[in-house]
PDB file of N, CA and C in Angstrom:
ATOM      1  N   UNK A   1     -75.851-108.992 -25.309  1.00  0.00           N
ATOM      2  CA  UNK A   1     -76.314-109.607 -26.524  1.00  0.00           C
ATOM      3  C   UNK A   1     -76.703-111.041 -26.211  1.00  0.00           C
ATOM      4  N   UNK A   2     -77.857-111.453 -26.680  1.00  0.00           N
ATOM      5  CA  UNK A   2     -78.329-112.816 -26.492  1.00  0.00           C
ATOM      6  C   UNK A   2     -77.937-113.644 -27.703  1.00  0.00           C
ATOM      7  N   UNK A   3     -77.335-114.801 -27.473  1.00  0.00           N
ATOM      8  CA  UNK A   3     -76.943-115.703 -28.544  1.00  0.00           C
ATOM      9  C   UNK A   3     -78.012-116.785 -28.654  1.00  0.00           C
ATOM     10  N   UNK A   4     -78.520-116.980 -29.846  1.00  0.00           N
ATOM     11  CA  UNK A   4     -79.550-117.972 -30.087  1.00  0.00           C
ATOM     12  C   UNK A   4     -79.046-118.960 -31.121  1.00  0.00           C
ATOM     13  N   UNK A   5     -79.270-120.225 -30.857  1.00  0.00           N
ATOM     14  CA  UNK A   5     -78.875-121.268 -31.792  1.00  0.00           C
ATOM     15  C   UNK A   5     -80.082-121.611 -32.660  1.00  0.00           C
ATOM     16  N   UNK A   6     -79.975-121.330 -33.951  1.00  0.00           N
ATOM     17  CA  UNK A   6     -81.060-121.574 -34.893  1.00  0.00           C
ATOM     18  C   UNK A   6     -80.529-122.325 -36.096  1.00  0.00           C
ATOM     19  N   UNK A   7     -81.438-122.866 -36.869  1.00  0.00           N
ATOM     20  CA  UNK A   7     -81.036-123.399 -38.161  1.00  0.00           C
ATOM     21  C   UNK A   7     -80.628-122.218 -39.028  1.00  0.00           C
ATOM     22  N   UNK A   8     -79.967-122.480 -40.104  1.00  0.00           N
ATOM     23  CA  UNK A   8     -79.454-121.408 -40.955  1.00  0.00           C
ATOM     24  C   UNK A   8     -80.593-120.722 -41.705  1.00  0.00           C
ATOM     25  N   UNK A   9     -81.469-120.092 -40.972  1.00  0.00           N
ATOM     26  CA  UNK A   9     -82.589-119.420 -41.606  1.00  0.00           C
ATOM     27  C   UNK A   9     -82.244-117.995 -42.013  1.00  0.00           C
ATOM     28  N   UNK A  10     -81.495-117.294 -41.198  1.00  0.00           N
ATOM     29  CA  UNK A  10     -81.153-115.915 -41.520  1.00  0.00           C
ATOM     30  C   UNK A  10     -79.897-115.824 -42.376  1.00  0.00           C
ATOM     31  N   UNK A  11     -79.004-116.768 -42.238  1.00  0.00           N
ATOM     32  CA  UNK A  11     -77.793-116.768 -43.032  1.00  0.00           C
ATOM     33  C   UNK A  11     -76.637-116.019 -42.408  1.00  0.00           C
ATOM     34  N   UNK A  12     -76.889-115.194 -41.401  1.00  0.00           N
ATOM     35  CA  UNK A  12     -75.811-114.447 -40.760  1.00  0.00           C
ATOM     36  C   UNK A  12     -75.321-115.189 -39.529  1.00  0.00           C
ATOM     37  N   UNK A  13     -74.043-115.477 -39.493  1.00  0.00           N
ATOM     38  CA  UNK A  13     -73.457-116.060 -38.298  1.00  0.00           C
ATOM     39  C   UNK A  13     -72.837-114.940 -37.479  1.00  0.00           C
ATOM     40  N   UNK A  14     -72.554-115.221 -36.239  1.00  0.00           N
ATOM     41  CA  UNK A  14     -71.870-114.230 -35.411  1.00  0.00           C
ATOM     42  C   UNK A  14     -70.529-113.850 -36.017  1.00  0.00           C
ATOM     43  N   UNK A  15     -69.828-114.835 -36.562  1.00  0.00           N
ATOM     44  CA  UNK A  15     -68.519-114.563 -37.167  1.00  0.00           C
ATOM     45  C   UNK A  15     -68.680-113.654 -38.379  1.00  0.00           C
ATOM     46  N   UNK A  16     -69.650-113.936 -39.241  1.00  0.00           N
ATOM     47  CA  UNK A  16     -69.866-113.102 -40.433  1.00  0.00           C
ATOM     48  C   UNK A  16     -70.233-111.678 -40.039  1.00  0.00           C
ATOM     49  N   UNK A  17     -71.082-111.561 -39.040  1.00  0.00           N
ATOM     50  CA  UNK A  17     -71.484-110.223 -38.603  1.00  0.00           C
ATOM     51  C   UNK A  17     -70.308-109.482 -37.964  1.00  0.00           C
ATOM     52  N   UNK A  18     -69.513-110.194 -37.166  1.00  0.00           N
ATOM     53  CA  UNK A  18     -68.349-109.566 -36.537  1.00  0.00           C
ATOM     54  C   UNK A  18     -67.334-109.139 -37.584  1.00  0.00           C
ATOM     55  N   UNK A  19     -67.120-109.957 -38.615  1.00  0.00           N
ATOM     56  CA  UNK A  19     -66.187-109.597 -39.685  1.00  0.00           C
ATOM     57  C   UNK A  19     -66.643-108.331 -40.399  1.00  0.00           C
ATOM     58  N   UNK A  20     -67.950-108.161 -40.523  1.00  0.00           N
ATOM     59  CA  UNK A  20     -68.491-107.004 -41.232  1.00  0.00           C
ATOM     60  C   UNK A  20     -68.520-105.745 -40.379  1.00  0.00           C
ATOM     61  N   UNK A  21     -68.563-105.878 -39.053  1.00  0.00           N
ATOM     62  CA  UNK A  21     -68.786-104.699 -38.224  1.00  0.00           C
ATOM     63  C   UNK A  21     -67.636-104.317 -37.287  1.00  0.00           C
ATOM     64  N   UNK A  22     -66.762-105.241 -36.976  1.00  0.00           N
ATOM     65  CA  UNK A  22     -65.687-104.957 -36.009  1.00  0.00           C
ATOM     66  C   UNK A  22     -64.367-104.809 -36.755  1.00  0.00           C
ATOM     67  N   UNK A  23     -63.754-103.643 -36.615  1.00  0.00           N
ATOM     68  CA  UNK A  23     -62.464-103.400 -37.263  1.00  0.00           C
ATOM     69  C   UNK A  23     -61.433-104.417 -36.800  1.00  0.00           C
ATOM     70  N   UNK A  24     -60.770-105.051 -37.755  1.00  0.00           N
ATOM     71  CA  UNK A  24     -59.695-105.979 -37.447  1.00  0.00           C
ATOM     72  C   UNK A  24     -60.145-107.403 -37.172  1.00  0.00           C
ATOM     73  N   UNK A  25     -61.448-107.635 -37.026  1.00  0.00           N
ATOM     74  CA  UNK A  25     -61.908-108.988 -36.705  1.00  0.00           C
ATOM     75  C   UNK A  25     -61.694-109.939 -37.870  1.00  0.00           C
ATOM     76  N   UNK A  26     -61.889-109.450 -39.085  1.00  0.00           N
ATOM     77  CA  UNK A  26     -61.699-110.309 -40.252  1.00  0.00           C
ATOM     78  C   UNK A  26     -60.267-110.843 -40.312  1.00  0.00           C
ATOM     79  N   UNK A  27     -59.290-109.979 -40.099  1.00  0.00           N
ATOM     80  CA  UNK A  27     -57.888-110.407 -40.111  1.00  0.00           C
ATOM     81  C   UNK A  27     -57.613-111.392 -38.971  1.00  0.00           C
ATOM     82  N   UNK A  28     -58.183-111.112 -37.809  1.00  0.00           N
ATOM     83  CA  UNK A  28     -58.016-112.010 -36.669  1.00  0.00           C
ATOM     84  C   UNK A  28     -58.609-113.385 -36.967  1.00  0.00           C
ATOM     85  N   UNK A  29     -59.797-113.401 -37.570  1.00  0.00           N
ATOM     86  CA  UNK A  29     -60.443-114.675 -37.884  1.00  0.00           C
ATOM     87  C   UNK A  29     -59.662-115.440 -38.951  1.00  0.00           C
ATOM     88  N   UNK A  30     -59.092-114.737 -39.923  1.00  0.00           N
ATOM     89  CA  UNK A  30     -58.269-115.395 -40.947  1.00  0.00           C
ATOM     90  C   UNK A  30     -57.044-116.049 -40.308  1.00  0.00           C
ATOM     91  N   UNK A  31     -56.430-115.371 -39.318  1.00  0.00           N
ATOM     92  CA  UNK A  31     -55.293-115.964 -38.604  1.00  0.00           C
ATOM     93  C   UNK A  31     -55.738-117.200 -37.832  1.00  0.00           C
ATOM     94  N   UNK A  32     -56.916-117.133 -37.221  1.00  0.00           N
ATOM     95  CA  UNK A  32     -57.463-118.276 -36.495  1.00  0.00           C
ATOM     96  C   UNK A  32     -57.703-119.448 -37.451  1.00  0.00           C
ATOM     97  N   UNK A  33     -58.270-119.171 -38.633  1.00  0.00           N
ATOM     98  CA  UNK A  33     -58.481-120.227 -39.627  1.00  0.00           C
ATOM     99  C   UNK A  33     -57.158-120.883 -40.007  1.00  0.00           C
ATOM    100  N   UNK A  34     -56.142-120.070 -40.251  1.00  0.00           N
ATOM    101  CA  UNK A  34     -54.819-120.586 -40.635  1.00  0.00           C
ATOM    102  C   UNK A  34     -54.227-121.437 -39.517  1.00  0.00           C
ATOM    103  N   UNK A  35     -54.380-120.976 -38.273  1.00  0.00           N
ATOM    104  CA  UNK A  35     -53.858-121.726 -37.137  1.00  0.00           C
ATOM    105  C   UNK A  35     -54.562-123.078 -36.998  1.00  0.00           C
ATOM    106  N   UNK A  36     -55.871-123.090 -37.213  1.00  0.00           N
ATOM    107  CA  UNK A  36     -56.623-124.346 -37.150  1.00  0.00           C
ATOM    108  C   UNK A  36     -56.145-125.309 -38.237  1.00  0.00           C
ATOM    109  N   UNK A  37     -55.896-124.759 -39.425  1.00  0.00           N
ATOM    110  CA  UNK A  37     -55.442-125.574 -40.546  1.00  0.00           C
ATOM    111  C   UNK A  37     -54.062-126.162 -40.284  1.00  0.00           C
ATOM    112  N   UNK A  38     -53.150-125.343 -39.781  1.00  0.00           N
ATOM    113  CA  UNK A  38     -51.777-125.810 -39.567  1.00  0.00           C
ATOM    114  C   UNK A  38     -51.637-126.706 -38.341  1.00  0.00           C
ATOM    115  N   UNK A  39     -52.628-126.670 -37.446  1.00  0.00           N
ATOM    116  CA  UNK A  39     -52.542-127.538 -36.269  1.00  0.00           C
ATOM    117  C   UNK A  39     -53.131-128.918 -36.539  1.00  0.00           C
ATOM    118  N   UNK A  40     -53.607-129.124 -37.766  1.00  0.00           N
ATOM    119  CA  UNK A  40     -54.104-130.439 -38.140  1.00  0.00           C
ATOM    120  C   UNK A  40     -55.565-130.676 -37.801  1.00  0.00           C
ATOM    121  N   UNK A  41     -56.295-129.636 -37.462  1.00  0.00           N
ATOM    122  CA  UNK A  41     -57.725-129.793 -37.158  1.00  0.00           C
ATOM    123  C   UNK A  41     -58.506-130.038 -38.447  1.00  0.00           C
ATOM    124  N   UNK A  42     -59.586-130.752 -38.325  1.00  0.00           N
ATOM    125  CA  UNK A  42     -60.471-130.982 -39.457  1.00  0.00           C
ATOM    126  C   UNK A  42     -61.215-129.688 -39.790  1.00  0.00           C
ATOM    127  N   UNK A  43     -61.591-129.524 -41.039  1.00  0.00           N
ATOM    128  CA  UNK A  43     -62.335-128.325 -41.434  1.00  0.00           C
ATOM    129  C   UNK A  43     -63.692-128.274 -40.742  1.00  0.00           C
ATOM    130  N   UNK A  44     -64.229-129.426 -40.361  1.00  0.00           N
ATOM    131  CA  UNK A  44     -65.520-129.446 -39.669  1.00  0.00           C
ATOM    132  C   UNK A  44     -65.428-128.780 -38.296  1.00  0.00           C
ATOM    133  N   UNK A  45     -64.264-128.791 -37.677  1.00  0.00           N
ATOM    134  CA  UNK A  45     -64.089-128.125 -36.387  1.00  0.00           C
ATOM    135  C   UNK A  45     -64.349-126.634 -36.532  1.00  0.00           C
ATOM    136  N   UNK A  46     -63.772-126.029 -37.541  1.00  0.00           N
ATOM    137  CA  UNK A  46     -63.976-124.605 -37.790  1.00  0.00           C
ATOM    138  C   UNK A  46     -65.429-124.327 -38.160  1.00  0.00           C
ATOM    139  N   UNK A  47     -66.025-125.191 -38.936  1.00  0.00           N
ATOM    140  CA  UNK A  47     -67.436-125.021 -39.295  1.00  0.00           C
ATOM    141  C   UNK A  47     -68.321-125.080 -38.052  1.00  0.00           C
ATOM    142  N   UNK A  48     -67.999-125.942 -37.120  1.00  0.00           N
ATOM    143  CA  UNK A  48     -68.780-126.032 -35.887  1.00  0.00           C
ATOM    144  C   UNK A  48     -68.627-124.769 -35.043  1.00  0.00           C
ATOM    145  N   UNK A  49     -67.443-124.209 -34.989  1.00  0.00           N
ATOM    146  CA  UNK A  49     -67.235-122.962 -34.249  1.00  0.00           C
ATOM    147  C   UNK A  49     -68.013-121.810 -34.889  1.00  0.00           C
ATOM    148  N   UNK A  50     -68.224-121.895 -36.188  1.00  0.00           N
ATOM    149  CA  UNK A  50     -68.868-120.829 -36.932  1.00  0.00           C
ATOM    150  C   UNK A  50     -70.374-121.077 -37.109  1.00  0.00           C
ATOM    151  N   UNK A  51     -70.956-121.917 -36.293  1.00  0.00           N
ATOM    152  CA  UNK A  51     -72.338-122.358 -36.501  1.00  0.00           C
ATOM    153  C   UNK A  51     -73.390-121.515 -35.789  1.00  0.00           C
ATOM    154  N   UNK A  52     -73.023-120.552 -35.017  1.00  0.00           N
ATOM    155  CA  UNK A  52     -73.993-119.767 -34.242  1.00  0.00           C
ATOM    156  C   UNK A  52     -74.650-118.746 -35.169  1.00  0.00           C
ATOM    157  N   UNK A  53     -75.960-118.846 -35.297  1.00  0.00           N
ATOM    158  CA  UNK A  53     -76.749-117.935 -36.149  1.00  0.00           C
ATOM    159  C   UNK A  53     -77.640-117.086 -35.289  1.00  0.00           C
ATOM    160  N   UNK A  54     -78.058-115.963 -35.859  1.00  0.00           N
ATOM    161  CA  UNK A  54     -79.082-115.188 -35.180  1.00  0.00           C
ATOM    162  C   UNK A  54     -80.027-114.580 -36.153  1.00  0.00           C
TER     163      UNK A  54
END
């Protein structure tokens, strides 16, 4: 799979697509979000990780 960095033209991020298509990924990502929150990271850090569009 080729990853392309684009402006938010399509609206689908890799994370959104993975949550919709991979069993268990949504729960895993929710745990990751919680871990980022409890470790004191800024919300922008998570937004940057979720910025890959295709």
